[in-house]
Protein backbone atom coordinates (compact mmCIF):
# COMPACT_ATOMS: atom_id res chain seq x y z
CA UNK A 1 130.91 109.62 105.29
CA UNK A 2 130.29 112.26 107.93
CA UNK A 3 127.14 114.33 107.90
CA UNK A 4 127.37 117.96 106.85
CA UNK A 5 127.90 120.42 109.70
CA UNK A 6 125.23 123.08 110.13
CA UNK A 7 122.49 121.31 108.17
CA UNK A 8 119.30 121.42 110.26
CA UNK A 9 117.35 118.90 108.19
CA UNK A 10 117.66 115.13 108.41
CA UNK A 11 120.72 113.35 107.00
CA UNK A 12 120.92 109.62 106.25
CA UNK A 13 124.25 107.91 105.66
CA UNK A 14 124.60 104.86 103.46
CA UNK A 15 124.46 101.57 105.33
CA UNK A 16 121.75 102.47 107.84
CA UNK A 17 118.21 101.11 107.92
CA UNK A 18 116.72 104.62 107.75
CA UNK A 19 118.75 105.22 104.60
CA UNK A 20 117.37 102.06 102.99
CA UNK A 21 113.84 103.16 103.83
CA UNK A 22 114.11 106.49 101.98
CA UNK A 23 116.47 105.86 99.06
CA UNK A 24 113.61 104.32 97.04
CA UNK A 25 113.15 105.57 93.49
CA UNK A 26 110.49 104.46 91.04
CA UNK A 27 113.35 102.90 89.06
CA UNK A 28 114.99 100.92 91.87
CA UNK A 29 112.73 97.98 91.07
CA UNK A 30 114.16 97.69 87.58
CA UNK A 31 117.57 99.36 87.13
CA UNK A 32 119.43 98.73 90.38
CA UNK A 33 122.17 96.67 88.75
CA UNK A 34 123.01 98.62 85.59
CA UNK A 35 122.31 102.03 87.16
CA UNK A 36 122.98 101.91 90.94
CA UNK A 37 121.00 104.41 93.01
CA UNK A 38 123.05 104.53 96.21
CA UNK A 39 124.09 108.07 97.14
CA UNK A 40 126.65 108.29 99.93
CA UNK A 41 124.40 110.61 101.89
CA UNK A 42 120.74 111.58 101.54
CA UNK A 43 119.84 115.02 102.89
CA UNK A 44 116.30 116.20 103.53
CA UNK A 45 116.85 119.97 103.77
CA UNK A 46 114.70 121.97 106.13
CA UNK A 47 115.27 125.25 104.31
CA UNK A 48 117.26 127.00 101.61
CA UNK A 49 120.27 127.48 103.88
CA UNK A 50 120.59 123.70 104.23
CA UNK A 51 120.72 123.45 100.44
CA UNK A 52 123.44 126.10 100.26
CA UNK A 53 125.52 124.23 102.85
CA UNK A 54 125.13 120.97 100.92
CA UNK A 55 126.22 122.59 97.65
CA UNK A 56 129.25 124.22 99.26
CA UNK A 57 130.22 120.92 100.84
CA UNK A 58 129.91 119.12 97.50
CA UNK A 59 132.03 121.75 95.82
CA UNK A 60 134.75 121.48 98.49
CA UNK A 61 134.81 117.68 98.22
CA UNK A 62 134.63 117.65 94.41
CA UNK A 63 131.51 115.48 94.42
CA UNK A 64 128.12 115.92 92.77
CA UNK A 65 124.56 116.42 94.02
CA UNK A 66 121.45 114.67 92.70
CA UNK A 67 118.11 116.41 93.23
CA UNK A 68 114.91 114.51 93.92
CA UNK A 69 111.41 115.79 94.54
CA UNK A 70 109.36 112.65 93.83
CA UNK A 71 111.82 110.18 92.34
CA UNK A 72 109.56 108.97 89.53
CA UNK A 73 111.91 109.37 86.57
CA UNK A 74 111.84 106.02 84.75
CA UNK A 75 115.63 105.55 84.67
CA UNK A 76 116.43 106.87 88.16
CA UNK A 77 118.05 110.09 86.93
CA UNK A 78 117.17 111.92 90.16
CA UNK A 79 119.52 109.65 92.13
CA UNK A 80 123.24 108.94 92.09
CA UNK A 81 125.89 106.67 93.55
CA UNK A 82 128.61 107.16 96.18
CA UNK A 83 130.56 109.31 96.81
CA UNK A 84 127.92 111.70 95.46
CA UNK A 85 125.02 112.88 97.61
CA UNK A 86 121.30 113.45 97.08
CA UNK A 87 119.05 116.34 98.08
CA UNK A 88 115.55 115.02 98.79
CA UNK A 89 113.19 118.02 98.55
CA UNK A 90 109.95 116.08 98.93
CA UNK A 91 109.11 117.72 102.26
CA UNK A 92 111.35 120.80 102.29
CA UNK A 93 108.98 123.52 101.13
CA UNK A 94 105.49 122.74 102.39
CA UNK A 95 104.69 125.75 104.54
CA UNK A 96 101.45 127.67 103.82
CA UNK A 97 103.42 130.31 101.92
CA UNK A 98 104.79 127.64 99.56
CA UNK A 99 101.46 127.63 97.69
CA UNK A 100 100.06 131.06 96.97
CA UNK A 101 97.15 132.08 94.72
CA UNK A 102 96.92 135.60 93.27
CA UNK A 103 94.49 137.30 90.89
CA UNK A 104 95.53 140.46 89.09
CA UNK A 105 94.52 142.21 85.89
CA UNK A 106 91.85 139.67 85.03
CA UNK A 107 94.30 136.76 85.24
CA UNK A 108 95.20 134.20 87.89
CA UNK A 109 98.60 133.02 89.08
CA UNK A 110 100.03 130.48 91.50
CA UNK A 111 103.45 130.47 93.10
CA UNK A 112 104.27 126.96 94.25
CA UNK A 113 107.24 125.05 95.61
CA UNK A 114 108.63 121.91 93.99
CA UNK A 115 107.90 119.84 97.11
CA UNK A 116 104.20 119.30 96.42
CA UNK A 117 102.85 116.24 94.68
CA UNK A 118 100.76 116.60 91.56
CA UNK A 119 97.73 115.50 93.57
CA UNK A 120 98.34 118.20 96.20
CA UNK A 121 98.74 120.87 93.53
CA UNK A 122 95.57 119.74 91.77
CA UNK A 123 93.63 119.97 95.04
CA UNK A 124 94.98 123.46 95.75
CA UNK A 125 94.05 124.65 92.26
CA UNK A 126 90.60 123.11 92.55
CA UNK A 127 89.97 124.95 95.80
CA UNK A 128 90.50 128.19 93.88
CA UNK A 129 88.45 127.10 90.84
CA UNK A 130 91.46 127.15 88.52
CA UNK A 131 93.42 124.52 86.61
CA UNK A 132 96.45 123.84 84.44
CA UNK A 133 97.32 121.05 82.02
CA UNK A 134 99.32 118.37 83.81
CA UNK A 135 99.93 114.64 84.01
CA UNK A 136 97.87 111.93 85.66
CA UNK A 137 100.04 110.32 88.33
CA UNK A 138 98.96 111.67 91.69
CA UNK A 139 102.25 110.98 93.48
CA UNK A 140 104.58 112.51 90.88
CA UNK A 141 106.11 115.68 92.34
CA UNK A 142 106.05 118.87 90.39
CA UNK A 143 109.78 119.72 90.45
CA UNK A 144 110.60 117.02 87.92
CA UNK A 145 107.21 117.28 86.26
CA UNK A 146 107.66 120.91 85.24
CA UNK A 147 111.22 120.41 83.98
CA UNK A 148 110.26 117.47 81.76
CA UNK A 149 107.11 119.10 80.36
CA UNK A 150 104.07 117.85 82.23
CA UNK A 151 102.40 115.80 79.50
CA UNK A 152 98.75 114.99 80.11
CA UNK A 153 95.11 114.88 79.13
CA UNK A 154 94.86 118.59 78.25
CA UNK A 155 97.87 118.66 75.93
CA UNK A 156 95.99 119.50 72.75
CA UNK A 157 93.69 122.04 74.37
CA UNK A 158 96.19 123.88 76.59
CA UNK A 159 99.71 122.56 75.94
CA UNK A 160 102.13 121.34 78.58
CA UNK A 161 102.27 122.12 82.28
CA UNK A 162 105.65 123.80 81.73
CA UNK A 163 104.17 126.13 79.11
CA UNK A 164 102.40 127.95 81.97
CA UNK A 165 105.64 128.87 83.79
CA UNK A 166 106.45 132.57 84.13
CA UNK A 167 109.44 132.40 86.48
CA UNK A 168 111.58 129.92 88.40
CA UNK A 169 113.39 130.46 91.69
CA UNK A 170 116.60 128.50 92.20
CA UNK A 171 119.85 128.20 94.09
CA UNK A 172 122.85 128.19 91.77
CA UNK A 173 126.18 126.37 92.01
CA UNK A 174 127.65 129.17 94.15
CA UNK A 175 124.76 129.19 96.60
CA UNK A 176 123.16 132.34 95.21
CA UNK A 177 119.37 132.78 95.09
CA UNK A 178 118.06 133.63 91.61
CA UNK A 179 114.74 134.22 89.90
CA UNK A 180 114.84 133.26 86.23
CA UNK A 181 112.38 134.51 83.60
CA UNK A 182 112.25 134.56 79.82
CA UNK A 183 113.64 138.09 79.85
CA UNK A 184 116.05 138.05 82.82
CA UNK A 185 118.01 135.00 81.61
CA UNK A 186 116.47 133.55 78.44
CA UNK A 187 119.15 130.86 77.94
CA UNK A 188 118.83 129.46 81.45
CA UNK A 189 115.00 129.66 81.31
CA UNK A 190 115.13 127.76 78.02
CA UNK A 191 117.41 125.07 79.43
CA UNK A 192 115.53 124.65 82.73
CA UNK A 193 112.26 123.85 80.96
CA UNK A 194 113.01 120.83 78.83
CA UNK A 195 116.81 120.78 78.74
CA UNK A 196 118.59 118.76 81.40
CA UNK A 197 116.43 118.30 84.51
CA UNK A 198 118.21 118.68 87.84
CA UNK A 199 121.51 119.63 86.21
CA UNK A 200 121.29 123.44 86.16
CA UNK A 201 120.58 124.42 89.75
CA UNK A 202 118.26 123.59 92.63
CA UNK A 203 114.79 124.85 91.70
CA UNK A 204 112.81 125.60 94.86
CA UNK A 205 109.71 127.45 93.57
CA UNK A 206 108.11 128.60 90.34
CA UNK A 207 105.20 130.80 89.30
CA UNK A 208 102.61 129.74 86.74
CA UNK A 209 99.70 131.46 85.05
CA UNK A 210 96.67 129.30 85.73
CA UNK A 211 93.37 128.96 83.87
CA UNK A 212 90.00 129.82 85.40
CA UNK A 213 86.97 127.52 85.38
CA UNK A 214 84.78 130.56 84.74
CA UNK A 215 86.41 131.10 81.33
CA UNK A 216 85.46 127.60 80.13
CA UNK A 217 81.89 127.13 81.26
CA UNK A 218 80.10 124.06 79.94
CA UNK A 219 83.13 121.76 79.76
CA UNK A 220 82.24 118.07 79.46
CA UNK A 221 83.99 114.90 80.54
CA UNK A 222 83.51 111.16 80.15
CA UNK A 223 85.28 108.24 81.78
CA UNK A 224 84.33 104.90 80.23
CA UNK A 225 85.44 101.43 81.22
CA UNK A 226 85.39 98.20 79.19
CA UNK A 227 86.33 94.59 79.63
CA UNK A 228 89.48 94.09 77.63
CA UNK A 229 89.14 92.45 74.24
CA UNK A 230 91.02 93.24 71.01
CA UNK A 231 87.87 94.14 69.05
CA UNK A 232 86.93 96.85 71.56
CA UNK A 233 90.50 98.10 71.69
CA UNK A 234 90.73 98.35 67.90
CA UNK A 235 87.44 100.28 67.73
CA UNK A 236 88.62 102.77 70.34
CA UNK A 237 92.07 103.21 68.82
CA UNK A 238 90.38 104.02 65.51
CA UNK A 239 88.53 106.89 67.19
CA UNK A 240 91.92 108.13 68.39
CA UNK A 241 90.78 111.56 69.56
CA UNK A 242 90.41 110.44 73.18
CA UNK A 243 93.04 109.27 75.55
CA UNK A 244 93.06 105.52 75.90
CA UNK A 245 94.48 103.78 78.92
CA UNK A 246 94.68 100.01 78.58
CA UNK A 247 95.16 98.73 82.07
CA UNK A 248 94.83 95.95 84.56
CA UNK A 249 95.48 98.39 87.32
CA UNK A 250 92.12 98.30 89.11
CA UNK A 251 90.23 98.32 91.14
CA UNK A 252 87.13 99.23 89.19
CA UNK A 253 85.43 102.10 91.03
CA UNK A 254 82.25 101.23 92.86
CA UNK A 255 79.11 102.33 91.12
CA UNK A 256 76.63 101.69 93.95
CA UNK A 257 74.41 98.74 94.88
CA UNK A 258 72.85 98.49 91.43
CA UNK A 259 76.26 98.05 89.79
CA UNK A 260 77.28 95.46 92.36
CA UNK A 261 74.06 93.55 91.66
CA UNK A 262 74.47 93.74 87.88
CA UNK A 263 78.18 92.85 87.90
CA UNK A 264 78.81 90.27 90.65
CA UNK A 265 81.77 88.99 88.62
CA UNK A 266 83.59 92.21 89.56
CA UNK A 267 82.75 92.44 93.23
CA UNK A 268 82.59 88.82 94.37
CA UNK A 269 81.04 87.54 97.57
CA UNK A 270 83.05 89.85 99.83
CA UNK A 271 82.09 92.98 97.89
CA UNK A 272 85.71 93.86 97.15
CA UNK A 273 86.38 94.48 93.44
CA UNK A 274 89.26 92.62 91.81
CA UNK A 275 91.68 93.79 89.12
CA UNK A 276 90.58 92.52 85.72
CA UNK A 277 92.02 93.28 82.29
CA UNK A 278 90.28 96.52 81.36
CA UNK A 279 90.34 99.43 78.97
CA UNK A 280 89.65 102.90 80.30
CA UNK A 281 88.93 105.92 78.13
CA UNK A 282 89.06 109.51 79.30
CA UNK A 283 87.43 112.02 76.96
CA UNK A 284 86.63 115.69 77.31
CA UNK A 285 85.31 118.68 75.43
CA UNK A 286 86.30 122.25 76.26
CA UNK A 287 84.51 125.33 74.88
CA UNK A 288 86.78 128.16 73.77
CA UNK A 289 84.04 130.35 72.33
CA UNK A 290 80.39 131.02 73.13
CA UNK A 291 79.46 129.52 69.75
CA UNK A 292 81.32 126.27 70.38
CA UNK A 293 79.06 123.22 70.64
CA UNK A 294 80.03 119.64 71.57
CA UNK A 295 79.72 116.70 69.19
CA UNK A 296 77.66 114.38 71.39
CA UNK A 297 77.73 111.68 68.72
CA UNK A 298 81.49 111.45 69.30
CA UNK A 299 80.91 110.77 73.01
CA UNK A 300 78.24 108.21 72.11
CA UNK A 301 80.69 106.32 69.89
CA UNK A 302 83.10 106.09 72.80
CA UNK A 303 80.44 105.01 75.33
CA UNK A 304 79.20 102.12 73.17
CA UNK A 305 79.34 98.80 75.05
CA UNK A 306 81.03 100.35 78.09
CA UNK A 307 80.57 98.97 81.59
CA UNK A 308 78.10 100.85 83.81
CA UNK A 309 77.17 103.07 80.81
CA UNK A 310 78.42 106.15 82.65
CA UNK A 311 77.04 109.42 81.26
CA UNK A 312 78.84 112.44 79.88
CA UNK A 313 79.02 114.96 82.71
CA UNK A 314 79.23 118.74 82.67
CA UNK A 315 81.87 119.73 85.19
CA UNK A 316 84.28 122.61 85.81
CA UNK A 317 87.69 121.96 84.30
CA UNK A 318 89.34 121.90 87.73
CA UNK A 319 87.12 118.94 88.65
CA UNK A 320 87.76 117.14 85.37
CA UNK A 321 91.54 117.38 85.83
CA UNK A 322 91.05 115.70 89.20
CA UNK A 323 88.88 112.98 87.66
CA UNK A 324 91.64 112.04 85.22
CA UNK A 325 94.23 111.38 87.92
CA UNK A 326 95.62 107.91 88.60
CA UNK A 327 95.50 107.49 92.38
CA UNK A 328 97.99 104.67 92.95
CA UNK A 329 101.68 105.30 93.65
CA UNK A 330 102.67 103.01 90.78
CA UNK A 331 100.83 100.80 88.32
CA UNK A 332 102.15 97.44 89.54
CA UNK A 333 104.50 96.41 92.34
CA UNK A 334 106.83 94.76 89.85
CA UNK A 335 109.92 95.68 87.82
CA UNK A 336 109.35 96.82 84.26
CA UNK A 337 110.56 97.19 80.70
CA UNK A 338 109.19 100.55 79.58
CA UNK A 339 108.86 102.37 76.30
CA UNK A 340 107.62 105.87 75.53
CA UNK A 341 107.69 107.07 71.92
CA UNK A 342 106.27 110.00 70.00
CA UNK A 343 105.38 110.16 66.33
CA UNK A 344 104.71 113.00 63.91
CA UNK A 345 102.86 110.71 61.52
CA UNK A 346 99.54 111.84 60.05
CA UNK A 347 99.01 108.53 58.21
CA UNK A 348 98.72 106.05 61.07
CA UNK A 349 95.34 104.88 59.81
CA UNK A 350 96.57 104.30 56.28
CA UNK A 351 99.70 102.59 57.59
CA UNK A 352 97.69 100.04 59.56
CA UNK A 353 99.01 101.14 62.93
CA UNK A 354 95.69 100.66 64.77
CA UNK A 355 95.55 96.98 63.84
CA UNK A 356 99.24 96.51 64.57
CA UNK A 357 99.18 98.09 68.05
CA UNK A 358 96.02 96.13 68.90
CA UNK A 359 97.78 92.89 67.96
CA UNK A 360 100.90 93.85 69.93
CA UNK A 361 98.90 94.68 73.06
CA UNK A 362 96.91 91.48 72.74
CA UNK A 363 100.12 89.49 72.42
CA UNK A 364 101.14 90.44 75.96
CA UNK A 365 97.74 90.91 77.62
CA UNK A 366 95.98 87.74 76.43
CA UNK A 367 98.29 84.99 77.81
CA UNK A 368 97.66 83.96 81.40
CA UNK A 369 101.06 82.42 81.96
CA UNK A 370 103.60 84.97 80.68
CA UNK A 371 103.92 86.72 84.09
CA UNK A 372 103.57 90.11 82.37
CA UNK A 373 101.27 93.03 83.19
CA UNK A 374 100.72 95.91 80.80
CA UNK A 375 100.00 99.58 81.37
CA UNK A 376 99.62 101.34 78.03
CA UNK A 377 98.59 104.90 77.25
CA UNK A 378 97.79 106.42 73.88
CA UNK A 379 97.44 110.20 73.89
CA UNK A 380 96.69 112.36 70.87
CA UNK A 381 98.58 115.68 70.69
CA UNK A 382 98.43 116.60 67.01
CA UNK A 383 96.59 119.11 64.85
CA UNK A 384 97.40 122.54 63.46
CA UNK A 385 95.50 124.19 66.30
CA UNK A 386 96.89 121.97 69.03
CA UNK A 387 98.46 124.03 71.81
CA UNK A 388 101.11 121.36 72.18
CA UNK A 389 102.15 122.34 68.65
CA UNK A 390 101.45 126.09 68.63
CA UNK A 391 103.26 126.64 71.95
CA UNK A 392 106.56 125.72 70.30
CA UNK A 393 109.18 128.49 70.34
CA UNK A 394 107.73 129.97 73.53
CA UNK A 395 111.10 130.16 75.25
CA UNK A 396 111.15 126.56 76.51
CA UNK A 397 113.14 123.64 75.12
CA UNK A 398 110.59 120.82 75.28
CA UNK A 399 111.21 118.63 72.25
CA UNK A 400 109.21 117.12 69.39
CA UNK A 401 106.41 119.72 69.32
CA UNK A 402 105.24 118.55 65.91
CA UNK A 403 104.28 115.15 67.35
CA UNK A 404 100.76 113.87 66.78
CA UNK A 405 100.59 110.98 69.24
CA UNK A 406 102.43 109.70 72.32
CA UNK A 407 102.47 105.95 72.92
CA UNK A 408 103.47 104.56 76.32
CA UNK A 409 103.94 100.79 76.57
CA UNK A 410 105.01 99.79 80.08
CA UNK A 411 105.42 96.05 80.52
CA UNK A 412 105.77 95.03 84.17
CA UNK A 413 106.81 91.48 84.98
CA UNK A 414 106.72 89.09 87.91
CA UNK A 415 109.28 86.35 88.58
CA UNK A 416 109.84 84.41 85.40
CA UNK A 417 108.49 87.14 83.13
CA UNK A 418 111.50 89.35 82.37
CA UNK A 419 112.52 87.52 79.20
CA UNK A 420 108.94 87.66 77.91
CA UNK A 421 108.72 91.41 78.58
CA UNK A 422 112.05 92.10 76.88
CA UNK A 423 111.21 89.99 73.83
CA UNK A 424 107.81 91.68 73.48
CA UNK A 425 109.41 95.14 73.58
CA UNK A 426 112.13 94.05 71.17
CA UNK A 427 109.51 93.28 68.53
CA UNK A 428 107.78 96.60 69.23
CA UNK A 429 111.09 98.41 68.71
CA UNK A 430 112.00 96.53 65.56
CA UNK A 431 108.66 96.77 63.78
CA UNK A 432 107.20 99.93 65.31
CA UNK A 433 110.17 102.31 65.19
CA UNK A 434 112.52 103.22 62.36
CA UNK A 435 112.43 104.21 58.67
CA UNK A 436 109.72 101.62 57.99
CA UNK A 437 108.21 101.71 61.46
CA UNK A 438 104.50 101.20 61.96
CA UNK A 439 104.38 103.99 64.56
CA UNK A 440 107.29 106.38 64.04
CA UNK A 441 109.93 106.76 61.36
CA UNK A 442 112.29 108.48 63.82
CA UNK A 443 113.09 107.30 67.35
CA UNK A 444 111.61 110.11 69.49
CA UNK A 445 111.63 109.85 73.29
CA UNK A 446 110.74 111.93 76.34
CA UNK A 447 113.02 112.82 79.25
CA UNK A 448 110.46 111.70 81.83
CA UNK A 449 109.99 108.36 80.07
CA UNK A 450 113.60 107.62 79.17
CA UNK A 451 114.79 104.09 78.48
CA UNK A 452 117.80 102.35 76.99
CA UNK A 453 121.16 104.03 77.44
CA UNK A 454 121.81 105.86 80.73
CA UNK A 455 124.31 108.08 78.89
CA UNK A 456 122.39 111.10 77.64
CA UNK A 457 125.31 112.48 75.65
CA UNK A 458 125.56 109.19 73.75
CA UNK A 459 121.82 109.11 73.05
CA UNK A 460 120.89 112.81 72.81
CA UNK A 461 119.41 112.50 69.32
CA UNK A 462 116.46 110.55 70.76
CA UNK A 463 115.55 113.43 73.09
CA UNK A 464 116.41 116.61 71.13
CA UNK A 465 115.68 117.59 67.55
CA UNK A 466 119.12 118.53 66.28
CA UNK A 467 122.77 119.22 67.05
CA UNK A 468 122.22 122.98 67.25
CA UNK A 469 119.68 122.56 70.05
CA UNK A 470 121.89 120.14 71.95
CA UNK A 471 124.89 122.46 71.63
CA UNK A 472 122.78 125.36 72.91
CA UNK A 473 121.84 123.29 75.97
CA UNK A 474 125.47 122.34 76.48
CA UNK A 475 126.43 126.01 76.68
CA UNK A 476 123.72 126.61 79.27
CA UNK A 477 125.03 123.63 81.26
CA UNK A 478 128.60 124.92 81.11
CA UNK A 479 127.50 128.27 82.50
CA UNK A 480 125.20 126.84 85.19
CA UNK A 481 127.45 123.99 86.35
CA UNK A 482 131.09 124.98 85.86
CA UNK A 483 132.33 122.73 88.67
CA UNK A 484 130.20 119.67 87.88
CA UNK A 485 128.30 119.59 91.18
CA UNK A 486 125.00 119.22 89.26
CA UNK A 487 126.33 116.27 87.23
CA UNK A 488 125.54 113.29 89.51
CA UNK A 489 125.14 110.71 86.75
CA UNK A 490 125.56 110.26 83.01
CA UNK A 491 121.93 111.07 82.18
CA UNK A 492 122.82 114.75 81.84
CA UNK A 493 123.45 117.05 78.92
CA UNK A 494 127.25 117.14 78.58
CA UNK A 495 128.94 120.23 80.01
């Protein structure tokens, strides 16, 4: 395939070594066979005009365009296969003007491009003493993050990252520049935020209302670490109001010479910490009123028997959001069998879920010879005052707002471990999900954590609440993508 005339950015044709170096997606380790990620041409646009030229070329050739900012979608939905092409926006919009902070009328706003990583955005916000709710993975890029919600530690307190969006700037199928708001184009705004990521236009920038540290003085945070054992895990799951991350991701952060002396089993003779089976808990308290007071006994319950006995710290919220971030590019350098489910259950305790999930985690973590490595996250979102819940019907289409808990079970495997990982997840699916499921009575999934079928139209009921919602998104897709150039794969709402 020839490169596209007039494009000033880099272009990489299939079959070259440079192409192989940059086509990587988070999902290439796991889904290369059943969902090939081999676009005919990868374009790294230098500006908006390059994007327009690529879209016009695709339209003339009757091919489609995949859009990638970070490439972290679990099923590889931001890639495609030949003869389609891919726009890689990771470095396109990183000029100083592509992150702009403004204060007006007692509020604060940020206009940002989609090309920044979550870590870069968090740093920029911190420099201005502001914050937003967002996810934990430092290398996720915010183009996909905002379209799929932006689930994270602050979900109950402040809702989703995407709930903060005021406007989105995009290039449509005809190469026109548009700014979309709740009032200027409510149907497209609705579909862009939660509908069919990457399939409605090329988002280049968006504007969010951010939150100021000064409005939440006295916020507290705690990060506790534990050696993994099922008794500790069960105790922490029973608390359930903190986020729990069960991991063997390492390395344990250094705590100074005293910690190295007290825990030589961690640091070894060379002083380099290894990666043990651990449980990490991130907990926070945010004041919303001058009369609000923290429940320190709750923090004490979490800290019990933790390594290093780290204290609860008073920090600005912008610093706490940085503390919660996972700094590695990925959890393990292995392929995976992933699951992300949500539940709206309010009877998990009565139903014995805490004991069940503890047993299921132990079944894969305890053996030394199954060649499996687990990264699990349990995040509470429920409650009548939860912003995740009360932000429903705010003009976005993020699904399952009545959910109380999100459970992520990501089983990575080395050579010889795939069958073990698949069998472990099969039991989780059979016993945990369904009318008599221990975790959820309905199979609820997230777009960022998709698994199973790569055909979204065939599996839409896992991702959207009802037929009426899906049909509404279909109409938005038909209007935004009449020629199919934004339909690079089957994980798209049907036009």
